[in-house]
Amino acid sequence: MPVAWKTKYGGRRVRHDPPTIEEALEAAQCFTDDPASQIEVAASLIGLSVEEVRAVALRAQRRTTIQRVAPAQPSASGRAVIVERRTTRRRIMVP
C-alpha cells in the first residue's frame, strides 16, 4: 500500500506504526505457552533477531514477577442497570 495517494478530496496518508517488542511478545503469548516459542514468534512478527527479543523479554519478565492486586471495594458504580425497550404499537388503518 502506498504511503500517500490522491483522492478527489485531496491527498491522503496512512500512518504506519510498527509494533513494539512488548506488543509482539503479548501477541505471541496467545499462540503458545512455551516462552522460547513466544520469543521466536515475536521475533518473526516484527522482523528482529531472536537475541534482541530475548533480551527485552528477560527484562520484562523481571519487572512483572511482582504483581499486586488490590481488593475490590463495593461502590455505587458496581450496580447493575437494566434497560427495557418497549415496542411501539402500530395502528393498522383499513380504508
PDB file of N, CA and C in Angstrom:
ATOM      1  N   MET A   1       0.847  -1.163   0.000  1.00  0.00           N
ATOM      2  CA  MET A   1       0.000   0.000   0.000  1.00  0.00           C
ATOM      3  C   MET A   1       0.903   1.239   0.000  1.00  0.00           C
ATOM      4  N   PRO A   2       0.622   2.156  -0.846  1.00  0.00           N
ATOM      5  CA  PRO A   2       1.456   3.362  -0.872  1.00  0.00           C
ATOM      6  C   PRO A   2       1.268   4.201   0.388  1.00  0.00           C
ATOM      7  N   VAL A   3       2.276   4.974   0.686  1.00  0.00           N
ATOM      8  CA  VAL A   3       2.235   5.811   1.882  1.00  0.00           C
ATOM      9  C   VAL A   3       1.279   6.984   1.688  1.00  0.00           C
ATOM     10  N   ALA A   4       1.246   7.550   0.477  1.00  0.00           N
ATOM     11  CA  ALA A   4       0.361   8.678   0.192  1.00  0.00           C
ATOM     12  C   ALA A   4      -0.294   8.469  -1.167  1.00  0.00           C
ATOM     13  N   TRP A   5      -1.528   8.887  -1.302  1.00  0.00           N
ATOM     14  CA  TRP A   5      -2.216   8.817  -2.580  1.00  0.00           C
ATOM     15  C   TRP A   5      -3.191   9.971  -2.672  1.00  0.00           C
ATOM     16  N   LYS A   6      -3.648  10.250  -3.872  1.00  0.00           N
ATOM     17  CA  LYS A   6      -4.542  11.380  -4.089  1.00  0.00           C
ATOM     18  C   LYS A   6      -5.965  10.883  -4.287  1.00  0.00           C
ATOM     19  N   THR A   7      -6.889  11.583  -3.663  1.00  0.00           N
ATOM     20  CA  THR A   7      -8.298  11.314  -3.847  1.00  0.00           C
ATOM     21  C   THR A   7      -8.965  12.585  -4.324  1.00  0.00           C
ATOM     22  N   LYS A   8     -10.259  12.515  -4.604  1.00  0.00           N
ATOM     23  CA  LYS A   8     -10.948  13.722  -5.060  1.00  0.00           C
ATOM     24  C   LYS A   8     -11.072  14.746  -3.938  1.00  0.00           C
ATOM     25  N   TYR A   9     -10.858  14.313  -2.688  1.00  0.00           N
ATOM     26  CA  TYR A   9     -10.914  15.230  -1.555  1.00  0.00           C
ATOM     27  C   TYR A   9      -9.544  15.753  -1.150  1.00  0.00           C
ATOM     28  N   GLY A  10      -8.510  15.346  -1.858  1.00  0.00           N
ATOM     29  CA  GLY A  10      -7.154  15.789  -1.542  1.00  0.00           C
ATOM     30  C   GLY A  10      -6.249  14.612  -1.246  1.00  0.00           C
ATOM     31  N   GLY A  11      -5.034  14.890  -0.840  1.00  0.00           N
ATOM     32  CA  GLY A  11      -4.070  13.840  -0.547  1.00  0.00           C
ATOM     33  C   GLY A  11      -4.387  13.116   0.755  1.00  0.00           C
ATOM     34  N   ARG A  12      -4.147  11.827   0.769  1.00  0.00           N
ATOM     35  CA  ARG A  12      -4.380  11.027   1.968  1.00  0.00           C
ATOM     36  C   ARG A  12      -3.102  10.286   2.317  1.00  0.00           C
ATOM     37  N   ARG A  13      -2.838  10.192   3.601  1.00  0.00           N
ATOM     38  CA  ARG A  13      -1.666   9.454   4.081  1.00  0.00           C
ATOM     39  C   ARG A  13      -2.094   8.491   5.165  1.00  0.00           C
ATOM     40  N   VAL A  14      -1.395   7.390   5.253  1.00  0.00           N
ATOM     41  CA  VAL A  14      -1.651   6.408   6.292  1.00  0.00           C
ATOM     42  C   VAL A  14      -0.452   6.373   7.213  1.00  0.00           C
ATOM     43  N   ARG A  15      -0.694   6.506   8.489  1.00  0.00           N
ATOM     44  CA  ARG A  15       0.387   6.441   9.458  1.00  0.00           C
ATOM     45  C   ARG A  15       0.695   4.981   9.749  1.00  0.00           C
ATOM     46  N   HIS A  16       1.949   4.635   9.680  1.00  0.00           N
ATOM     47  CA  HIS A  16       2.365   3.261   9.905  1.00  0.00           C
ATOM     48  C   HIS A  16       3.223   3.206  11.156  1.00  0.00           C
ATOM     49  N   ASP A  17       2.692   2.585  12.212  1.00  0.00           N
ATOM     50  CA  ASP A  17       3.433   2.401  13.449  1.00  0.00           C
ATOM     51  C   ASP A  17       3.733   0.920  13.597  1.00  0.00           C
ATOM     52  N   PRO A  18       4.980   0.519  13.399  1.00  0.00           N
ATOM     53  CA  PRO A  18       5.294  -0.900  13.574  1.00  0.00           C
ATOM     54  C   PRO A  18       5.115  -1.290  15.039  1.00  0.00           C
ATOM     55  N   PRO A  19       4.766  -2.552  15.289  1.00  0.00           N
ATOM     56  CA  PRO A  19       4.540  -2.967  16.679  1.00  0.00           C
ATOM     57  C   PRO A  19       5.837  -2.943  17.478  1.00  0.00           C
ATOM     58  N   THR A  20       5.711  -2.680  18.759  1.00  0.00           N
ATOM     59  CA  THR A  20       6.874  -2.711  19.635  1.00  0.00           C
ATOM     60  C   THR A  20       7.161  -4.157  20.020  1.00  0.00           C
ATOM     61  N   ILE A  21       8.309  -4.376  20.618  1.00  0.00           N
ATOM     62  CA  ILE A  21       8.682  -5.728  21.024  1.00  0.00           C
ATOM     63  C   ILE A  21       7.731  -6.233  22.104  1.00  0.00           C
ATOM     64  N   GLU A  22       7.324  -5.353  23.010  1.00  0.00           N
ATOM     65  CA  GLU A  22       6.405  -5.753  24.069  1.00  0.00           C
ATOM     66  C   GLU A  22       5.058  -6.175  23.488  1.00  0.00           C
ATOM     67  N   GLU A  23       4.565  -5.435  22.485  1.00  0.00           N
ATOM     68  CA  GLU A  23       3.307  -5.803  21.854  1.00  0.00           C
ATOM     69  C   GLU A  23       3.423  -7.137  21.122  1.00  0.00           C
ATOM     70  N   ALA A  24       4.557  -7.373  20.480  1.00  0.00           N
ATOM     71  CA  ALA A  24       4.762  -8.640  19.787  1.00  0.00           C
ATOM     72  C   ALA A  24       4.836  -9.802  20.773  1.00  0.00           C
ATOM     73  N   LEU A  25       5.445  -9.573  21.929  1.00  0.00           N
ATOM     74  CA  LEU A  25       5.505 -10.622  22.950  1.00  0.00           C
ATOM     75  C   LEU A  25       4.118 -10.934  23.497  1.00  0.00           C
ATOM     76  N   GLU A  26       3.285  -9.932  23.690  1.00  0.00           N
ATOM     77  CA  GLU A  26       1.921 -10.164  24.158  1.00  0.00           C
ATOM     78  C   GLU A  26       1.120 -10.947  23.130  1.00  0.00           C
ATOM     79  N   ALA A  27       1.314 -10.630  21.852  1.00  0.00           N
ATOM     80  CA  ALA A  27       0.614 -11.368  20.804  1.00  0.00           C
ATOM     81  C   ALA A  27       1.100 -12.814  20.741  1.00  0.00           C
ATOM     82  N   ALA A  28       2.384 -13.026  20.956  1.00  0.00           N
ATOM     83  CA  ALA A  28       2.942 -14.379  20.909  1.00  0.00           C
ATOM     84  C   ALA A  28       2.442 -15.228  22.073  1.00  0.00           C
ATOM     85  N   GLN A  29       2.079 -14.605  23.187  1.00  0.00           N
ATOM     86  CA  GLN A  29       1.558 -15.356  24.320  1.00  0.00           C
ATOM     87  C   GLN A  29       0.220 -15.994  23.992  1.00  0.00           C
ATOM     88  N   CYS A  30      -0.512 -15.437  23.036  1.00  0.00           N
ATOM     89  CA  CYS A  30      -1.793 -16.018  22.630  1.00  0.00           C
ATOM     90  C   CYS A  30      -1.592 -17.272  21.790  1.00  0.00           C
ATOM     91  N   PHE A  31      -0.442 -17.381  21.118  1.00  0.00           N
ATOM     92  CA  PHE A  31      -0.191 -18.518  20.238  1.00  0.00           C
ATOM     93  C   PHE A  31       0.334 -19.739  20.978  1.00  0.00           C
ATOM     94  N   THR A  32       1.210 -19.536  21.948  1.00  0.00           N
ATOM     95  CA  THR A  32       1.853 -20.665  22.609  1.00  0.00           C
ATOM     96  C   THR A  32       2.157 -20.336  24.065  1.00  0.00           C
ATOM     97  N   ASP A  33       2.309 -21.389  24.869  1.00  0.00           N
ATOM     98  CA  ASP A  33       2.630 -21.204  26.281  1.00  0.00           C
ATOM     99  C   ASP A  33       4.130 -21.310  26.550  1.00  0.00           C
ATOM    100  N   ASP A  34       4.882 -21.848  25.621  1.00  0.00           N
ATOM    101  CA  ASP A  34       6.323 -22.037  25.783  1.00  0.00           C
ATOM    102  C   ASP A  34       7.044 -20.694  25.595  1.00  0.00           C
ATOM    103  N   PRO A  35       7.812 -20.219  26.597  1.00  0.00           N
ATOM    104  CA  PRO A  35       8.491 -18.924  26.471  1.00  0.00           C
ATOM    105  C   PRO A  35       9.487 -18.862  25.311  1.00  0.00           C
ATOM    106  N   ALA A  36      10.189 -19.960  25.019  1.00  0.00           N
ATOM    107  CA  ALA A  36      11.140 -19.950  23.909  1.00  0.00           C
ATOM    108  C   ALA A  36      10.414 -19.792  22.577  1.00  0.00           C
ATOM    109  N   SER A  37       9.279 -20.451  22.439  1.00  0.00           N
ATOM    110  CA  SER A  37       8.485 -20.317  21.216  1.00  0.00           C
ATOM    111  C   SER A  37       7.889 -18.922  21.102  1.00  0.00           C
ATOM    112  N   GLN A  38       7.519 -18.344  22.238  1.00  0.00           N
ATOM    113  CA  GLN A  38       6.971 -16.990  22.221  1.00  0.00           C
ATOM    114  C   GLN A  38       8.000 -15.995  21.702  1.00  0.00           C
ATOM    115  N   ILE A  39       9.245 -16.172  22.110  1.00  0.00           N
ATOM    116  CA  ILE A  39      10.309 -15.269  21.654  1.00  0.00           C
ATOM    117  C   ILE A  39      10.518 -15.421  20.157  1.00  0.00           C
ATOM    118  N   GLU A  40      10.491 -16.647  19.652  1.00  0.00           N
ATOM    119  CA  GLU A  40      10.665 -16.867  18.217  1.00  0.00           C
ATOM    120  C   GLU A  40       9.512 -16.272  17.414  1.00  0.00           C
ATOM    121  N   VAL A  41       8.294 -16.450  17.908  1.00  0.00           N
ATOM    122  CA  VAL A  41       7.132 -15.901  17.207  1.00  0.00           C
ATOM    123  C   VAL A  41       7.179 -14.384  17.208  1.00  0.00           C
ATOM    124  N   ALA A  42       7.527 -13.787  18.339  1.00  0.00           N
ATOM    125  CA  ALA A  42       7.613 -12.325  18.427  1.00  0.00           C
ATOM    126  C   ALA A  42       8.689 -11.787  17.492  1.00  0.00           C
ATOM    127  N   ALA A  43       9.815 -12.480  17.409  1.00  0.00           N
ATOM    128  CA  ALA A  43      10.886 -12.046  16.509  1.00  0.00           C
ATOM    129  C   ALA A  43      10.436 -12.114  15.057  1.00  0.00           C
ATOM    130  N   SER A  44       9.690 -13.137  14.709  1.00  0.00           N
ATOM    131  CA  SER A  44       9.224 -13.240  13.322  1.00  0.00           C
ATOM    132  C   SER A  44       8.140 -12.210  13.011  1.00  0.00           C
ATOM    133  N   LEU A  45       7.347 -11.821  14.023  1.00  0.00           N
ATOM    134  CA  LEU A  45       6.294 -10.830  13.791  1.00  0.00           C
ATOM    135  C   LEU A  45       6.851  -9.452  13.478  1.00  0.00           C
ATOM    136  N   ILE A  46       7.943  -9.072  14.147  1.00  0.00           N
ATOM    137  CA  ILE A  46       8.458  -7.714  13.964  1.00  0.00           C
ATOM    138  C   ILE A  46       9.737  -7.663  13.153  1.00  0.00           C
ATOM    139  N   GLY A  47      10.282  -8.825  12.783  1.00  0.00           N
ATOM    140  CA  GLY A  47      11.445  -8.831  11.911  1.00  0.00           C
ATOM    141  C   GLY A  47      12.756  -8.522  12.596  1.00  0.00           C
ATOM    142  N   LEU A  48      12.876  -8.822  13.868  1.00  0.00           N
ATOM    143  CA  LEU A  48      14.125  -8.631  14.590  1.00  0.00           C
ATOM    144  C   LEU A  48      14.759  -9.977  14.872  1.00  0.00           C
ATOM    145  N   SER A  49      15.994  -9.953  15.330  1.00  0.00           N
ATOM    146  CA  SER A  49      16.659 -11.205  15.666  1.00  0.00           C
ATOM    147  C   SER A  49      16.119 -11.750  16.989  1.00  0.00           C
ATOM    148  N   VAL A  50      16.282 -13.042  17.173  1.00  0.00           N
ATOM    149  CA  VAL A  50      15.786 -13.703  18.384  1.00  0.00           C
ATOM    150  C   VAL A  50      16.524 -13.191  19.616  1.00  0.00           C
ATOM    151  N   GLU A  51      17.798 -12.873  19.484  1.00  0.00           N
ATOM    152  CA  GLU A  51      18.584 -12.394  20.621  1.00  0.00           C
ATOM    153  C   GLU A  51      18.075 -11.048  21.131  1.00  0.00           C
ATOM    154  N   GLU A  52      17.713 -10.148  20.204  1.00  0.00           N
ATOM    155  CA  GLU A  52      17.201  -8.843  20.620  1.00  0.00           C
ATOM    156  C   GLU A  52      15.873  -8.989  21.371  1.00  0.00           C
ATOM    157  N   VAL A  53      15.018  -9.846  20.869  1.00  0.00           N
ATOM    158  CA  VAL A  53      13.719 -10.047  21.507  1.00  0.00           C
ATOM    159  C   VAL A  53      13.890 -10.757  22.850  1.00  0.00           C
ATOM    160  N   ARG A  54      14.823 -11.701  22.924  1.00  0.00           N
ATOM    161  CA  ARG A  54      15.058 -12.428  24.170  1.00  0.00           C
ATOM    162  C   ARG A  54      15.526 -11.474  25.270  1.00  0.00           C
ATOM    163  N   ALA A  55      16.385 -10.521  24.923  1.00  0.00           N
ATOM    164  CA  ALA A  55      16.872  -9.567  25.917  1.00  0.00           C
ATOM    165  C   ALA A  55      15.725  -8.737  26.489  1.00  0.00           C
ATOM    166  N   VAL A  56      14.828  -8.281  25.621  1.00  0.00           N
ATOM    167  CA  VAL A  56      13.691  -7.479  26.089  1.00  0.00           C
ATOM    168  C   VAL A  56      12.729  -8.350  26.890  1.00  0.00           C
ATOM    169  N   ALA A  57      12.537  -9.601  26.467  1.00  0.00           N
ATOM    170  CA  ALA A  57      11.629 -10.499  27.180  1.00  0.00           C
ATOM    171  C   ALA A  57      12.143 -10.789  28.584  1.00  0.00           C
ATOM    172  N   LEU A  58      13.440 -10.970  28.733  1.00  0.00           N
ATOM    173  CA  LEU A  58      14.004 -11.224  30.064  1.00  0.00           C
ATOM    174  C   LEU A  58      13.855 -10.009  30.971  1.00  0.00           C
ATOM    175  N   ARG A  59      14.056  -8.811  30.407  1.00  0.00           N
ATOM    176  CA  ARG A  59      13.875  -7.599  31.202  1.00  0.00           C
ATOM    177  C   ARG A  59      12.417  -7.442  31.618  1.00  0.00           C
ATOM    178  N   ALA A  60      11.511  -7.734  30.719  1.00  0.00           N
ATOM    179  CA  ALA A  60      10.083  -7.600  31.023  1.00  0.00           C
ATOM    180  C   ALA A  60       9.653  -8.648  32.041  1.00  0.00           C
ATOM    181  N   GLN A  61      10.251  -9.821  31.981  1.00  0.00           N
ATOM    182  CA  GLN A  61       9.912 -10.889  32.919  1.00  0.00           C
ATOM    183  C   GLN A  61      10.339 -10.512  34.335  1.00  0.00           C
ATOM    184  N   ARG A  62      11.491  -9.896  34.479  1.00  0.00           N
ATOM    185  CA  ARG A  62      11.953  -9.475  35.805  1.00  0.00           C
ATOM    186  C   ARG A  62      11.044  -8.402  36.393  1.00  0.00           C
ATOM    187  N   ARG A  63      10.535  -7.516  35.527  1.00  0.00           N
ATOM    188  CA  ARG A  63       9.681  -6.432  36.011  1.00  0.00           C
ATOM    189  C   ARG A  63       8.323  -6.932  36.455  1.00  0.00           C
ATOM    190  N   THR A  64       7.800  -7.969  35.789  1.00  0.00           N
ATOM    191  CA  THR A  64       6.436  -8.394  36.066  1.00  0.00           C
ATOM    192  C   THR A  64       6.353  -9.549  37.047  1.00  0.00           C
ATOM    193  N   THR A  65       7.443  -9.900  37.717  1.00  0.00           N
ATOM    194  CA  THR A  65       7.367 -11.004  38.670  1.00  0.00           C
ATOM    195  C   THR A  65       6.590 -10.612  39.915  1.00  0.00           C
ATOM    196  N   ILE A  66       6.594  -9.353  40.296  1.00  0.00           N
ATOM    197  CA  ILE A  66       5.865  -8.889  41.464  1.00  0.00           C
ATOM    198  C   ILE A  66       4.599  -8.192  40.981  1.00  0.00           C
ATOM    199  N   GLN A  67       3.465  -8.770  41.333  1.00  0.00           N
ATOM    200  CA  GLN A  67       2.192  -8.180  40.971  1.00  0.00           C
ATOM    201  C   GLN A  67       1.377  -7.974  42.238  1.00  0.00           C
ATOM    202  N   ARG A  68       0.774  -6.827  42.334  1.00  0.00           N
ATOM    203  CA  ARG A  68      -0.060  -6.517  43.481  1.00  0.00           C
ATOM    204  C   ARG A  68      -1.497  -6.413  43.026  1.00  0.00           C
ATOM    205  N   VAL A  69      -2.375  -7.031  43.789  1.00  0.00           N
ATOM    206  CA  VAL A  69      -3.787  -6.995  43.460  1.00  0.00           C
ATOM    207  C   VAL A  69      -4.511  -6.296  44.596  1.00  0.00           C
ATOM    208  N   ALA A  70      -5.222  -5.252  44.262  1.00  0.00           N
ATOM    209  CA  ALA A  70      -5.982  -4.515  45.267  1.00  0.00           C
ATOM    210  C   ALA A  70      -7.379  -5.120  45.353  1.00  0.00           C
ATOM    211  N   PRO A  71      -7.898  -5.283  46.555  1.00  0.00           N
ATOM    212  CA  PRO A  71      -9.249  -5.845  46.680  1.00  0.00           C
ATOM    213  C   PRO A  71     -10.292  -4.870  46.152  1.00  0.00           C
ATOM    214  N   ALA A  72     -11.304  -5.411  45.542  1.00  0.00           N
ATOM    215  CA  ALA A  72     -12.374  -4.576  45.001  1.00  0.00           C
ATOM    216  C   ALA A  72     -13.272  -4.109  46.132  1.00  0.00           C
ATOM    217  N   GLN A  73     -13.610  -2.853  46.108  1.00  0.00           N
ATOM    218  CA  GLN A  73     -14.482  -2.297  47.127  1.00  0.00           C
ATOM    219  C   GLN A  73     -15.860  -2.071  46.511  1.00  0.00           C
ATOM    220  N   PRO A  74     -16.898  -2.424  47.224  1.00  0.00           N
ATOM    221  CA  PRO A  74     -18.232  -2.191  46.667  1.00  0.00           C
ATOM    222  C   PRO A  74     -18.497  -0.695  46.560  1.00  0.00           C
ATOM    223  N   SER A  75     -19.049  -0.314  45.461  1.00  0.00           N
ATOM    224  CA  SER A  75     -19.355   1.104  45.264  1.00  0.00           C
ATOM    225  C   SER A  75     -20.625   1.236  44.444  1.00  0.00           C
ATOM    226  N   ALA A  76     -21.045   2.447  44.273  1.00  0.00           N
ATOM    227  CA  ALA A  76     -22.265   2.709  43.512  1.00  0.00           C
ATOM    228  C   ALA A  76     -22.069   2.374  42.037  1.00  0.00           C
ATOM    229  N   SER A  77     -20.847   2.415  41.561  1.00  0.00           N
ATOM    230  CA  SER A  77     -20.619   2.146  40.141  1.00  0.00           C
ATOM    231  C   SER A  77     -20.741   0.669  39.814  1.00  0.00           C
ATOM    232  N   GLY A  78     -20.804  -0.193  40.828  1.00  0.00           N
ATOM    233  CA  GLY A  78     -20.914  -1.616  40.600  1.00  0.00           C
ATOM    234  C   GLY A  78     -22.342  -2.111  40.452  1.00  0.00           C
ATOM    235  N   ARG A  79     -23.295  -1.223  40.492  1.00  0.00           N
ATOM    236  CA  ARG A  79     -24.692  -1.611  40.396  1.00  0.00           C
ATOM    237  C   ARG A  79     -25.054  -1.971  38.958  1.00  0.00           C
ATOM    238  N   ALA A  80     -25.956  -2.905  38.831  1.00  0.00           N
ATOM    239  CA  ALA A  80     -26.418  -3.310  37.503  1.00  0.00           C
ATOM    240  C   ALA A  80     -27.551  -2.398  37.061  1.00  0.00           C
ATOM    241  N   VAL A  81     -27.582  -2.112  35.797  1.00  0.00           N
ATOM    242  CA  VAL A  81     -28.629  -1.288  35.218  1.00  0.00           C
ATOM    243  C   VAL A  81     -29.344  -2.117  34.168  1.00  0.00           C
ATOM    244  N   ILE A  82     -30.651  -2.188  34.268  1.00  0.00           N
ATOM    245  CA  ILE A  82     -31.450  -2.944  33.310  1.00  0.00           C
ATOM    246  C   ILE A  82     -32.220  -1.957  32.454  1.00  0.00           C
ATOM    247  N   VAL A  83     -32.069  -2.102  31.157  1.00  0.00           N
ATOM    248  CA  VAL A  83     -32.759  -1.223  30.219  1.00  0.00           C
ATOM    249  C   VAL A  83     -33.762  -2.061  29.452  1.00  0.00           C
ATOM    250  N   GLU A  84     -35.015  -1.651  29.516  1.00  0.00           N
ATOM    251  CA  GLU A  84     -36.051  -2.358  28.783  1.00  0.00           C
ATOM    252  C   GLU A  84     -36.504  -1.491  27.630  1.00  0.00           C
ATOM    253  N   ARG A  85     -36.753  -2.137  26.521  1.00  0.00           N
ATOM    254  CA  ARG A  85     -37.190  -1.412  25.343  1.00  0.00           C
ATOM    255  C   ARG A  85     -38.611  -1.833  25.008  1.00  0.00           C
ATOM    256  N   ARG A  86     -39.471  -0.870  24.917  1.00  0.00           N
ATOM    257  CA  ARG A  86     -40.855  -1.158  24.552  1.00  0.00           C
ATOM    258  C   ARG A  86     -41.038  -0.888  23.068  1.00  0.00           C
ATOM    259  N   THR A  87     -41.717  -1.786  22.430  1.00  0.00           N
ATOM    260  CA  THR A  87     -42.025  -1.569  21.019  1.00  0.00           C
ATOM    261  C   THR A  87     -43.260  -0.699  20.921  1.00  0.00           C
ATOM    262  N   THR A  88     -43.300   0.120  19.915  1.00  0.00           N
ATOM    263  CA  THR A  88     -44.444   0.998  19.737  1.00  0.00           C
ATOM    264  C   THR A  88     -45.556   0.237  19.024  1.00  0.00           C
ATOM    265  N   ARG A  89     -46.771   0.579  19.383  1.00  0.00           N
ATOM    266  CA  ARG A  89     -47.908  -0.052  18.714  1.00  0.00           C
ATOM    267  C   ARG A  89     -48.152   0.671  17.398  1.00  0.00           C
ATOM    268  N   ARG A  90     -48.351  -0.119  16.392  1.00  0.00           N
ATOM    269  CA  ARG A  90     -48.660   0.468  15.090  1.00  0.00           C
ATOM    270  C   ARG A  90     -50.136   0.284  14.794  1.00  0.00           C
ATOM    271  N   ARG A  91     -50.746   1.360  14.407  1.00  0.00           N
ATOM    272  CA  ARG A  91     -52.155   1.292  14.077  1.00  0.00           C
ATOM    273  C   ARG A  91     -52.311   0.859  12.620  1.00  0.00           C
ATOM    274  N   ILE A  92     -53.199  -0.053  12.442  1.00  0.00           N
ATOM    275  CA  ILE A  92     -53.493  -0.510  11.082  1.00  0.00           C
ATOM    276  C   ILE A  92     -54.768   0.184  10.646  1.00  0.00           C
ATOM    277  N   MET A  93     -54.664   0.933   9.577  1.00  0.00           N
ATOM    278  CA  MET A  93     -55.816   1.656   9.071  1.00  0.00           C
ATOM    279  C   MET A  93     -56.367   0.920   7.855  1.00  0.00           C
ATOM    280  N   VAL A  94     -57.599   0.526   7.966  1.00  0.00           N
ATOM    281  CA  VAL A  94     -58.252  -0.163   6.848  1.00  0.00           C
ATOM    282  C   VAL A  94     -59.084   0.870   6.106  1.00  0.00           C
ATOM    283  N   PRO A  95     -58.848   0.983   4.787  1.00  0.00           N
ATOM    284  CA  PRO A  95     -59.640   2.003   4.047  1.00  0.00           C
ATOM    285  C   PRO A  95     -61.061   1.623   3.802  1.00  0.00           C
TER     286      PRO A  95
END
